[in-house]
Amino acid sequence: MDSNLVRSNHDRLLDAVVNSKRGFVIMGKLLYELHQEDNFRLAVGDGIDTWGAYIAQPEIGLSKSEADRLIQIYEQFVLRYGIDEEVLSGVPIKNLHYLLPIAKS
């Protein structure tokens, strides 16, 4: 394999990793905002009338516990403690899951 292609693949992988970490924080924020006052209902119209049905849609595909964790991470670390979203996205999601009960107490 060409060394330029290998380096390009490596760089693309690093970008994908950073974007996926940032994605968890963004997902938490969006889920939080959509869950507030059942705002998700305004987004989808008729047919989906519960939070569980909304997050279970194939396009989203989250369980209630997954969505709850992402929301709680956003609430605790960004809203409660004021940690910048960009800084938070640099922390592995498994570490945030581990720290969540400590942050809540």
Protein backbone atom coordinates (compact mmCIF):
# COMPACT_ATOMS: atom_id res chain seq x y z
CA MET A 1 0.00 0.00 0.00
CA ASP A 2 1.22 3.49 -0.85
CA SER A 3 2.65 5.32 2.19
CA ASN A 4 0.64 8.47 1.35
CA LEU A 5 -2.57 6.45 1.34
CA VAL A 6 -1.60 4.82 4.64
CA ARG A 7 -0.94 8.22 6.21
CA SER A 8 -4.20 9.56 4.78
CA ASN A 9 -6.10 6.60 6.25
CA HIS A 10 -4.44 7.22 9.62
CA ASP A 11 -5.40 10.91 9.55
CA ARG A 12 -8.97 10.06 8.57
CA LEU A 13 -9.16 7.56 11.43
CA LEU A 14 -8.00 10.20 13.91
CA ASP A 15 -10.64 12.60 12.58
CA ALA A 16 -13.32 9.93 12.91
CA VAL A 17 -12.32 9.22 16.52
CA VAL A 18 -12.44 12.91 17.45
CA ASN A 19 -15.80 13.34 15.70
CA SER A 20 -17.29 10.30 17.41
CA LYS A 21 -16.23 11.61 20.84
CA ARG A 22 -17.63 15.04 20.04
CA GLY A 23 -20.76 13.32 18.77
CA PHE A 24 -21.61 11.91 22.20
CA VAL A 25 -21.60 15.38 23.76
CA ILE A 26 -23.65 16.81 20.89
CA MET A 27 -26.10 13.91 21.14
CA GLY A 28 -26.51 14.53 24.87
CA LYS A 29 -27.23 18.20 24.28
CA LEU A 30 -29.74 17.57 21.52
CA LEU A 31 -31.47 14.80 23.45
CA TYR A 32 -31.66 17.08 26.47
CA GLU A 33 -33.23 19.90 24.44
CA LEU A 34 -35.67 17.61 22.62
CA HIS A 35 -36.72 15.91 25.86
CA GLN A 36 -37.45 19.22 27.61
CA GLU A 37 -41.20 19.89 27.62
CA ASP A 38 -41.62 17.06 25.09
CA ASN A 39 -40.12 19.20 22.31
CA PHE A 40 -39.53 16.01 20.31
CA ARG A 41 -43.26 16.01 19.50
CA LEU A 42 -42.85 19.25 17.55
CA ALA A 43 -40.08 17.66 15.50
CA VAL A 44 -41.94 14.54 14.37
CA GLY A 45 -45.62 15.42 14.34
CA ASP A 46 -48.27 12.74 14.70
CA GLY A 47 -47.60 9.08 15.24
CA ILE A 48 -44.84 9.31 17.82
CA ASP A 49 -46.25 10.40 21.13
CA THR A 50 -43.78 9.09 23.72
CA TRP A 51 -40.12 9.74 24.42
CA GLY A 52 -39.43 6.01 24.24
CA ALA A 53 -40.98 5.74 20.79
CA TYR A 54 -39.07 8.80 19.63
CA ILE A 55 -35.62 7.58 20.63
CA ALA A 56 -36.37 4.03 19.41
CA GLN A 57 -36.97 5.21 15.84
CA PRO A 58 -34.59 3.43 13.44
CA GLU A 59 -32.93 6.75 12.59
CA ILE A 60 -32.02 7.28 16.25
CA GLY A 61 -31.97 3.74 17.63
CA LEU A 62 -31.25 4.46 21.29
CA SER A 63 -32.56 2.66 24.33
CA LYS A 64 -34.01 4.75 27.14
CA SER A 65 -30.98 4.00 29.32
CA GLU A 66 -28.55 5.09 26.58
CA ALA A 67 -30.44 8.33 25.99
CA ASP A 68 -30.73 8.96 29.73
CA ARG A 69 -26.98 8.54 30.23
CA LEU A 70 -26.12 10.93 27.40
CA ILE A 71 -28.58 13.49 28.77
CA GLN A 72 -27.23 13.10 32.30
CA ILE A 73 -23.65 13.53 31.12
CA TYR A 74 -24.63 16.76 29.37
CA GLU A 75 -26.67 18.01 32.34
CA GLN A 76 -24.05 17.28 34.96
CA PHE A 77 -20.81 18.19 33.25
CA VAL A 78 -21.89 21.01 30.92
CA LEU A 79 -24.90 22.58 32.62
CA ARG A 80 -24.09 21.95 36.28
CA TYR A 81 -20.30 22.22 36.28
CA GLY A 82 -19.88 24.46 33.24
CA ILE A 83 -17.35 22.28 31.46
CA ASP A 84 -16.90 23.41 27.87
CA GLU A 85 -18.43 20.97 25.38
CA GLU A 86 -15.21 20.84 23.37
CA VAL A 87 -13.18 19.99 26.48
CA LEU A 88 -15.72 17.37 27.52
CA SER A 89 -15.59 15.75 24.11
CA GLY A 90 -11.91 14.98 24.75
CA VAL A 91 -12.81 12.68 27.63
CA PRO A 92 -13.61 9.07 26.69
CA ILE A 93 -17.32 8.34 27.08
CA LYS A 94 -16.63 5.33 29.33
CA ASN A 95 -14.82 7.65 31.76
CA LEU A 96 -17.77 10.02 31.78
CA HIS A 97 -20.10 7.10 32.52
CA TYR A 98 -17.85 6.12 35.40
CA LEU A 99 -17.67 9.68 36.77
CA LEU A 100 -21.38 10.39 36.41
CA PRO A 101 -22.50 8.99 39.80
CA ILE A 102 -19.70 10.95 41.50
CA ALA A 103 -20.68 14.15 39.68
CA LYS A 104 -24.33 13.68 40.67
CA SER A 105 -23.52 13.37 44.39
